[in-house]
Amino acid sequence: MSLRSVRREYRGSPLDESGAASDPFEQFARWFAEARATEFDATAMALATATPDGRPSARMVLLKGVEAGAFVFFTNYDSRKAREIEGTQRAALLFYWPTFERQVRVEGPVTRVSATESDEYFAERPLESRWSAVASAQSRPVAAREALEAEVARVRAEHGENVPRPPFWGGYRVSPDAFEFWQGRESRLHDRLAYTLSAGGWRRQRLAP
């Protein structure tokens, strides 16, 4: 199967230094507000992690907050992604919003959110999602779909609507030390603005496409 002839032209709006915010969080907020108004799921982001010896992996997760200089998401602390985060204390995020032909890359160290914050968010989740979170040994082999559904039924019978957050489930905070904003442009001359955190604050520079 050859895909060499499959191509498209990008015709996004210019991203230049004169119009971009000096603070990357402000620039993200601008783009995110536009994406939320049009994209099917603007909160979806690829989360990339790696083992200590450098074996990478990536998957889609959902952004649940941008607060106090960090991007927040929630997951199972026994999952592969969590084990890799705990091993390296770093991760990368990628947002892609095709309507605007835009990408945002985020990189930085990762820490757990407080137990209180995890409790609060877990209590806000739909009841069925709470049952599933308790029942699922995420990333571990399961004999069959029926076995997973039986475990959910057991959790439902045991806890009903009062489902406590399990200790193996909670949130993470990615505190960026690097951003890149990518805007698709004609003839592959894309606009790329990178922000790097230093002792003096955020340094912005244009990258070649």
C-alpha atoms as a PDB file:
ATOM      1  CA  MET A   1       0.000   0.000   0.000  1.00  0.00           C
ATOM      2  CA  SER A   2       1.593   3.227  -1.175  1.00  0.00           C
ATOM      3  CA  LEU A   3       0.461   6.564   0.243  1.00  0.00           C
ATOM      4  CA  ARG A   4       3.055   8.756  -1.442  1.00  0.00           C
ATOM      5  CA  SER A   5       0.461  10.522  -3.583  1.00  0.00           C
ATOM      6  CA  VAL A   6      -1.825  11.335  -0.647  1.00  0.00           C
ATOM      7  CA  ARG A   7      -1.324  14.960   0.247  1.00  0.00           C
ATOM      8  CA  ARG A   8      -3.191  18.136   1.088  1.00  0.00           C
ATOM      9  CA  GLU A   9      -2.503  21.838   1.172  1.00  0.00           C
ATOM     10  CA  TYR A  10      -2.554  23.740   4.454  1.00  0.00           C
ATOM     11  CA  ARG A  11      -4.096  27.203   4.403  1.00  0.00           C
ATOM     12  CA  GLY A  12      -4.078  28.258   8.036  1.00  0.00           C
ATOM     13  CA  SER A  13      -3.952  31.813   9.332  1.00  0.00           C
ATOM     14  CA  PRO A  14      -0.452  33.217   9.940  1.00  0.00           C
ATOM     15  CA  LEU A  15       1.170  32.787  13.343  1.00  0.00           C
ATOM     16  CA  ASP A  16       3.729  35.525  13.772  1.00  0.00           C
ATOM     17  CA  GLU A  17       5.639  37.083  16.612  1.00  0.00           C
ATOM     18  CA  SER A  18       3.709  40.349  16.471  1.00  0.00           C
ATOM     19  CA  GLY A  19       0.371  38.628  17.082  1.00  0.00           C
ATOM     20  CA  ALA A  20       1.425  35.808  19.401  1.00  0.00           C
ATOM     21  CA  ALA A  21       1.333  36.188  23.172  1.00  0.00           C
ATOM     22  CA  SER A  22       4.627  36.478  25.015  1.00  0.00           C
ATOM     23  CA  ASP A  23       3.343  33.973  27.583  1.00  0.00           C
ATOM     24  CA  PRO A  24       2.694  30.461  26.174  1.00  0.00           C
ATOM     25  CA  PHE A  25      -0.167  29.807  28.604  1.00  0.00           C
ATOM     26  CA  GLU A  26      -1.952  32.870  27.234  1.00  0.00           C
ATOM     27  CA  GLN A  27      -1.301  31.727  23.677  1.00  0.00           C
ATOM     28  CA  PHE A  28      -2.643  28.269  24.531  1.00  0.00           C
ATOM     29  CA  ALA A  29      -5.757  29.805  26.087  1.00  0.00           C
ATOM     30  CA  ARG A  30      -6.427  31.780  22.882  1.00  0.00           C
ATOM     31  CA  TRP A  31      -6.141  28.757  20.629  1.00  0.00           C
ATOM     32  CA  PHE A  32      -7.967  26.456  23.035  1.00  0.00           C
ATOM     33  CA  ALA A  33     -10.959  28.808  23.225  1.00  0.00           C
ATOM     34  CA  GLU A  34     -11.235  28.750  19.433  1.00  0.00           C
ATOM     35  CA  ALA A  35     -10.825  24.971  19.306  1.00  0.00           C
ATOM     36  CA  ARG A  36     -13.533  24.368  21.917  1.00  0.00           C
ATOM     37  CA  ALA A  37     -16.014  26.289  19.799  1.00  0.00           C
ATOM     38  CA  THR A  38     -15.534  24.067  16.739  1.00  0.00           C
ATOM     39  CA  GLU A  39     -13.641  20.825  17.400  1.00  0.00           C
ATOM     40  CA  PHE A  40     -15.404  17.558  18.254  1.00  0.00           C
ATOM     41  CA  ASP A  41     -13.188  17.109  21.325  1.00  0.00           C
ATOM     42  CA  ALA A  42     -10.702  19.899  21.864  1.00  0.00           C
ATOM     43  CA  THR A  43      -9.591  18.392  25.182  1.00  0.00           C
ATOM     44  CA  ALA A  44      -8.207  15.234  23.573  1.00  0.00           C
ATOM     45  CA  MET A  45      -4.411  15.117  23.689  1.00  0.00           C
ATOM     46  CA  ALA A  46      -1.722  12.571  22.940  1.00  0.00           C
ATOM     47  CA  LEU A  47       0.316  11.754  26.038  1.00  0.00           C
ATOM     48  CA  ALA A  48       3.829  10.506  25.305  1.00  0.00           C
ATOM     49  CA  THR A  49       5.917   8.768  27.939  1.00  0.00           C
ATOM     50  CA  ALA A  50       9.034   6.599  27.922  1.00  0.00           C
ATOM     51  CA  THR A  51      10.730   3.954  29.997  1.00  0.00           C
ATOM     52  CA  PRO A  52      13.970   4.905  31.772  1.00  0.00           C
ATOM     53  CA  ASP A  53      15.905   3.147  28.997  1.00  0.00           C
ATOM     54  CA  GLY A  54      14.168   5.244  26.329  1.00  0.00           C
ATOM     55  CA  ARG A  55      11.373   3.027  24.946  1.00  0.00           C
ATOM     56  CA  PRO A  56       8.546   5.438  24.062  1.00  0.00           C
ATOM     57  CA  SER A  57       4.790   4.966  24.072  1.00  0.00           C
ATOM     58  CA  ALA A  58       1.838   7.265  23.371  1.00  0.00           C
ATOM     59  CA  ARG A  59      -1.914   7.267  23.834  1.00  0.00           C
ATOM     60  CA  MET A  60      -4.856   9.673  23.860  1.00  0.00           C
ATOM     61  CA  VAL A  61      -6.082  11.100  27.168  1.00  0.00           C
ATOM     62  CA  LEU A  62      -8.333  14.012  28.099  1.00  0.00           C
ATOM     63  CA  LEU A  63      -7.220  17.351  29.486  1.00  0.00           C
ATOM     64  CA  LYS A  64      -9.099  18.107  32.701  1.00  0.00           C
ATOM     65  CA  GLY A  65      -7.645  21.464  33.616  1.00  0.00           C
ATOM     66  CA  VAL A  66      -4.971  24.091  33.061  1.00  0.00           C
ATOM     67  CA  GLU A  67      -4.231  25.531  36.451  1.00  0.00           C
ATOM     68  CA  ALA A  68      -1.321  26.947  38.446  1.00  0.00           C
ATOM     69  CA  GLY A  69       1.029  26.594  35.486  1.00  0.00           C
ATOM     70  CA  ALA A  70       0.232  22.949  34.753  1.00  0.00           C
ATOM     71  CA  PHE A  71      -1.863  20.673  32.529  1.00  0.00           C
ATOM     72  CA  VAL A  72      -3.931  18.176  34.529  1.00  0.00           C
ATOM     73  CA  PHE A  73      -5.224  14.725  33.578  1.00  0.00           C
ATOM     74  CA  PHE A  74      -6.367  11.655  35.495  1.00  0.00           C
ATOM     75  CA  THR A  75      -5.586   7.973  35.114  1.00  0.00           C
ATOM     76  CA  ASN A  76      -4.883   4.658  36.816  1.00  0.00           C
ATOM     77  CA  TYR A  77      -1.609   4.847  38.763  1.00  0.00           C
ATOM     78  CA  ASP A  78      -0.887   1.194  37.904  1.00  0.00           C
ATOM     79  CA  SER A  79      -1.214   1.744  34.136  1.00  0.00           C
ATOM     80  CA  ARG A  80       1.711   1.649  31.732  1.00  0.00           C
ATOM     81  CA  LYS A  81       1.634   5.414  31.287  1.00  0.00           C
ATOM     82  CA  ALA A  82       1.758   5.945  35.039  1.00  0.00           C
ATOM     83  CA  ARG A  83       4.586   3.471  35.548  1.00  0.00           C
ATOM     84  CA  GLU A  84       6.626   5.253  32.882  1.00  0.00           C
ATOM     85  CA  ILE A  85       5.845   8.666  34.365  1.00  0.00           C
ATOM     86  CA  GLU A  86       6.931   7.465  37.801  1.00  0.00           C
ATOM     87  CA  GLY A  87      10.159   6.140  36.276  1.00  0.00           C
ATOM     88  CA  THR A  88      11.198   9.328  34.476  1.00  0.00           C
ATOM     89  CA  GLN A  89       9.093  12.100  36.043  1.00  0.00           C
ATOM     90  CA  ARG A  90       8.586  13.622  32.584  1.00  0.00           C
ATOM     91  CA  ALA A  91       6.030  13.528  29.753  1.00  0.00           C
ATOM     92  CA  ALA A  92       4.999  15.269  26.547  1.00  0.00           C
ATOM     93  CA  LEU A  93       1.539  16.302  25.352  1.00  0.00           C
ATOM     94  CA  LEU A  94       0.301  16.948  21.823  1.00  0.00           C
ATOM     95  CA  PHE A  95      -2.918  18.706  20.877  1.00  0.00           C
ATOM     96  CA  TYR A  96      -4.100  18.587  17.255  1.00  0.00           C
ATOM     97  CA  TRP A  97      -7.021  20.704  16.076  1.00  0.00           C
ATOM     98  CA  PRO A  98      -7.603  19.939  12.366  1.00  0.00           C
ATOM     99  CA  THR A  99     -10.285  22.586  11.829  1.00  0.00           C
ATOM    100  CA  PHE A 100      -7.652  25.278  12.360  1.00  0.00           C
ATOM    101  CA  GLU A 101      -4.708  23.181  11.097  1.00  0.00           C
ATOM    102  CA  ARG A 102      -2.945  23.670  14.423  1.00  0.00           C
ATOM    103  CA  GLN A 103      -0.823  21.654  16.803  1.00  0.00           C
ATOM    104  CA  VAL A 104       0.452  22.471  20.275  1.00  0.00           C
ATOM    105  CA  ARG A 105       3.293  20.498  21.844  1.00  0.00           C
ATOM    106  CA  VAL A 106       3.942  20.629  25.597  1.00  0.00           C
ATOM    107  CA  GLU A 107       6.858  19.073  27.489  1.00  0.00           C
ATOM    108  CA  GLY A 108       7.781  19.092  31.144  1.00  0.00           C
ATOM    109  CA  PRO A 109       8.144  17.361  34.500  1.00  0.00           C
ATOM    110  CA  VAL A 110       5.185  15.512  35.985  1.00  0.00           C
ATOM    111  CA  THR A 111       3.931  15.254  39.564  1.00  0.00           C
ATOM    112  CA  ARG A 112       0.804  13.787  41.138  1.00  0.00           C
ATOM    113  CA  VAL A 113      -2.058  16.069  42.110  1.00  0.00           C
ATOM    114  CA  SER A 114      -3.122  16.015  45.741  1.00  0.00           C
ATOM    115  CA  ALA A 115      -5.310  13.208  47.054  1.00  0.00           C
ATOM    116  CA  THR A 116      -7.962  15.813  47.813  1.00  0.00           C
ATOM    117  CA  GLU A 117      -8.031  17.008  44.205  1.00  0.00           C
ATOM    118  CA  SER A 118      -8.219  13.414  42.951  1.00  0.00           C
ATOM    119  CA  ASP A 119     -11.088  12.707  45.371  1.00  0.00           C
ATOM    120  CA  GLU A 120     -12.983  15.773  44.203  1.00  0.00           C
ATOM    121  CA  TYR A 121     -12.669  14.951  40.519  1.00  0.00           C
ATOM    122  CA  PHE A 122     -13.463  11.256  41.013  1.00  0.00           C
ATOM    123  CA  ALA A 123     -16.702  12.215  42.777  1.00  0.00           C
ATOM    124  CA  GLU A 124     -17.681  14.370  39.771  1.00  0.00           C
ATOM    125  CA  ARG A 125     -17.348  11.525  37.267  1.00  0.00           C
ATOM    126  CA  PRO A 126     -20.427   9.672  35.996  1.00  0.00           C
ATOM    127  CA  LEU A 127     -21.358   6.764  38.243  1.00  0.00           C
ATOM    128  CA  GLU A 128     -20.698   4.187  35.519  1.00  0.00           C
ATOM    129  CA  SER A 129     -17.205   5.604  34.981  1.00  0.00           C
ATOM    130  CA  ARG A 130     -16.461   5.291  38.689  1.00  0.00           C
ATOM    131  CA  TRP A 131     -17.518   1.630  38.666  1.00  0.00           C
ATOM    132  CA  SER A 132     -15.284   1.017  35.655  1.00  0.00           C
ATOM    133  CA  ALA A 133     -12.297   2.774  37.234  1.00  0.00           C
ATOM    134  CA  VAL A 134     -12.508   0.556  40.307  1.00  0.00           C
ATOM    135  CA  ALA A 135     -13.059  -2.631  38.297  1.00  0.00           C
ATOM    136  CA  SER A 136     -10.334  -2.149  35.702  1.00  0.00           C
ATOM    137  CA  ALA A 137      -6.743  -3.233  36.341  1.00  0.00           C
ATOM    138  CA  GLN A 138      -5.672  -0.943  33.537  1.00  0.00           C
ATOM    139  CA  SER A 139      -3.001  -2.203  31.132  1.00  0.00           C
ATOM    140  CA  ARG A 140      -3.088  -5.712  32.657  1.00  0.00           C
ATOM    141  CA  PRO A 141      -4.228  -8.764  30.630  1.00  0.00           C
ATOM    142  CA  VAL A 142      -7.894  -9.725  31.014  1.00  0.00           C
ATOM    143  CA  ALA A 143      -9.275 -13.138  30.088  1.00  0.00           C
ATOM    144  CA  ALA A 144     -12.344 -11.878  28.226  1.00  0.00           C
ATOM    145  CA  ARG A 145     -14.786  -8.987  27.952  1.00  0.00           C
ATOM    146  CA  GLU A 146     -17.215 -11.021  30.058  1.00  0.00           C
ATOM    147  CA  ALA A 147     -14.703 -11.168  32.916  1.00  0.00           C
ATOM    148  CA  LEU A 148     -14.335  -7.380  32.881  1.00  0.00           C
ATOM    149  CA  GLU A 149     -18.099  -6.864  32.829  1.00  0.00           C
ATOM    150  CA  ALA A 150     -18.482  -9.322  35.702  1.00  0.00           C
ATOM    151  CA  GLU A 151     -15.998  -7.315  37.757  1.00  0.00           C
ATOM    152  CA  VAL A 152     -17.939  -4.123  37.051  1.00  0.00           C
ATOM    153  CA  ALA A 153     -21.114  -5.880  38.208  1.00  0.00           C
ATOM    154  CA  ARG A 154     -19.352  -6.942  41.409  1.00  0.00           C
ATOM    155  CA  VAL A 155     -18.210  -3.365  42.101  1.00  0.00           C
ATOM    156  CA  ARG A 156     -21.714  -2.054  41.388  1.00  0.00           C
ATOM    157  CA  ALA A 157     -23.255  -4.562  43.794  1.00  0.00           C
ATOM    158  CA  GLU A 158     -20.679  -3.820  46.496  1.00  0.00           C
ATOM    159  CA  HIS A 159     -20.684  -0.027  46.372  1.00  0.00           C
ATOM    160  CA  GLY A 160     -23.881   1.075  44.651  1.00  0.00           C
ATOM    161  CA  GLU A 161     -23.773   4.838  44.182  1.00  0.00           C
ATOM    162  CA  ASN A 162     -21.219   5.397  46.965  1.00  0.00           C
ATOM    163  CA  VAL A 163     -18.047   4.495  45.098  1.00  0.00           C
ATOM    164  CA  PRO A 164     -14.843   5.574  46.871  1.00  0.00           C
ATOM    165  CA  ARG A 165     -11.843   6.598  44.821  1.00  0.00           C
ATOM    166  CA  PRO A 166      -9.458   3.647  44.745  1.00  0.00           C
ATOM    167  CA  PRO A 167      -5.898   4.421  45.882  1.00  0.00           C
ATOM    168  CA  PHE A 168      -4.571   3.367  42.470  1.00  0.00           C
ATOM    169  CA  TRP A 169      -6.459   6.121  40.616  1.00  0.00           C
ATOM    170  CA  GLY A 170      -5.729   9.863  40.513  1.00  0.00           C
ATOM    171  CA  GLY A 171      -4.354  12.849  38.682  1.00  0.00           C
ATOM    172  CA  TYR A 172      -1.091  14.130  37.282  1.00  0.00           C
ATOM    173  CA  ARG A 173       0.189  17.633  36.611  1.00  0.00           C
ATOM    174  CA  VAL A 174       2.473  18.326  33.639  1.00  0.00           C
ATOM    175  CA  SER A 175       4.337  21.566  34.426  1.00  0.00           C
ATOM    176  CA  PRO A 176       5.700  22.758  31.074  1.00  0.00           C
ATOM    177  CA  ASP A 177       9.248  23.905  30.497  1.00  0.00           C
ATOM    178  CA  ALA A 178       8.714  23.903  26.722  1.00  0.00           C
ATOM    179  CA  PHE A 179       5.859  24.688  24.306  1.00  0.00           C
ATOM    180  CA  GLU A 180       5.635  24.682  20.532  1.00  0.00           C
ATOM    181  CA  PHE A 181       2.753  26.195  18.557  1.00  0.00           C
ATOM    182  CA  TRP A 182       2.462  24.921  14.983  1.00  0.00           C
ATOM    183  CA  GLN A 183       0.258  26.504  12.344  1.00  0.00           C
ATOM    184  CA  GLY A 184      -0.130  24.786   8.969  1.00  0.00           C
ATOM    185  CA  ARG A 185       0.641  27.093   6.042  1.00  0.00           C
ATOM    186  CA  GLU A 186       0.769  26.865   2.258  1.00  0.00           C
ATOM    187  CA  SER A 187       3.614  25.044   0.478  1.00  0.00           C
ATOM    188  CA  ARG A 188       4.655  23.426   3.766  1.00  0.00           C
ATOM    189  CA  LEU A 189       6.117  26.715   5.012  1.00  0.00           C
ATOM    190  CA  HIS A 190       4.457  26.181   8.362  1.00  0.00           C
ATOM    191  CA  ASP A 191       4.704  28.646  11.237  1.00  0.00           C
ATOM    192  CA  ARG A 192       6.367  27.269  14.379  1.00  0.00           C
ATOM    193  CA  LEU A 193       6.870  29.297  17.539  1.00  0.00           C
ATOM    194  CA  ALA A 194       8.750  27.626  20.389  1.00  0.00           C
ATOM    195  CA  TYR A 195       8.725  28.810  24.006  1.00  0.00           C
ATOM    196  CA  THR A 196      11.450  27.631  26.393  1.00  0.00           C
ATOM    197  CA  LEU A 197      11.480  28.298  30.112  1.00  0.00           C
ATOM    198  CA  SER A 198      14.666  29.743  31.611  1.00  0.00           C
ATOM    199  CA  ALA A 199      15.653  31.508  34.823  1.00  0.00           C
ATOM    200  CA  GLY A 200      14.585  34.794  33.276  1.00  0.00           C
ATOM    201  CA  GLY A 201      11.185  33.588  32.118  1.00  0.00           C
ATOM    202  CA  TRP A 202       9.855  32.344  28.786  1.00  0.00           C
ATOM    203  CA  ARG A 203      12.074  32.700  25.700  1.00  0.00           C
ATOM    204  CA  ARG A 204      10.280  32.624  22.343  1.00  0.00           C
ATOM    205  CA  GLN A 205      11.824  31.848  18.981  1.00  0.00           C
ATOM    206  CA  ARG A 206      10.711  30.854  15.496  1.00  0.00           C
ATOM    207  CA  LEU A 207      11.654  27.402  14.203  1.00  0.00           C
ATOM    208  CA  ALA A 208      12.109  26.411  10.578  1.00  0.00           C
ATOM    209  CA  PRO A 209       9.310  24.216   9.266  1.00  0.00           C
END
